[in-house]
Amino acid sequence: MKEQVLHSTDQMGRSVEINFPPRRIVSLVPSQTELLFDLGLDEEICGITRFCIHPEDKVATKTKIGGTKQFDIEKIKGLQPDLVIGNKEENYLEGITELQQHFPVWMSDIFTLQDNAAMMQEVARITNREKEGAKLIEQIQSGFNQYKPVSALRGKTAAYFIWRKPYMVAANNTFINHLLHTFGVTNVFEKEERYPEIKPDLLSHLQPDFIFLSSEPYRFTEKHYDEFQAFCPTSKVMLVDGELFSWYGSRLKHTPAYFEKLQAELLL
C-alpha cells in the first residue's frame, strides 16, 4: 500500500496526523499493547512498557521502554516510531507532551464500554486493521449483551480496593465504576471522585455487601481477607481479577464470562 497521511482525532480531542499505514508502533499502555497484538500488528509493534505482559510469548521479544509513568524518551526516540499510542490516565502529561514534539501520539481516554468500542474502532482504522477491529468489537459487544446480572444482585453494594497503605478505592468517573454497574452492583464509594484514599472507619460505616480486592495494581491475596473482615464483619470479601475489571481493549472479550463466574461465587 502506498504511504499516505491519515488524519485522526484522538479521545482527548487532539488532531493527529499519521503516516499510513504505520510501520513502527510504540505502545505505552499494557491493555492497548494486547489490543495491538490481537489486531495482528506483531511486526509493527517495536516498543512496549515493562508492564505489558500479554500475550506473554510475543511481548518477550519487544524492546521495553520503561514504565507507563516513567518511560525512557531517549529510548523511544531511538526506535523512531511513526505512531505512539497512550492513555490520559495511565501516562504522564510531561512525557506525552515531549513525545508529541517528535512523533504522532494518539491518546485514549476511557470511562465506558462505549468509549472502549470507539477507541478500538479508531485504533484499528489508523493501523490499517479495520476488519480485525470490527470482529473484536462485535465479540465484546455480543458478550456484554448476553450477560445479565441475576436478580439477587439487585440493590447490592460493593467497595473495590486497588491499593493498600494507604487504602484506595475505585470511585466515580472511572472505567472500573462503569464495569461494577455493568456487573450489577452499586459502588458504595460512587459519590467520591476517581481513586480516593479512604479510612477504615468510613468503610465500617458504609458496610458494603461485597468487598472486592483487586489483583492489580496492588496484588491483594487471601491473606488480606481477615484485615477487611475485621472492618466489615457482614461483608463478603472476594479477590477479583483486576485485568478483567480495568483493562479496556480486547481483554474485555473475556470479562462477561468472568462476570458470570463471579456472581455465582458471590451468591453461594
Foldseek 3Di string as FASTA:
>chain_A
DDWDWDWDQAAVRDIFIFTPQWQAEAELDQLVVQQCVLLVNLRRYAEYAPPNPPPPVRVVPHHHQYHSADGNLVVVVVSVTQEYEEEPVRYDDVSVVVVVVPHGYHYAYDAELVSLLVNLCVVCVNNVRNVSSVVLNVLLVVLLVPFDADPVQAAAEEWEFADVPQTKTAEARANLQNVCVSLPHHYLRNVDDGIDGDDLQVCLVSQGQEYEYECPPPHDDPVCVVVNCVSHVNHHYDYDYPCCRHRRHSVSSCNSVSSVVVSVVSVD
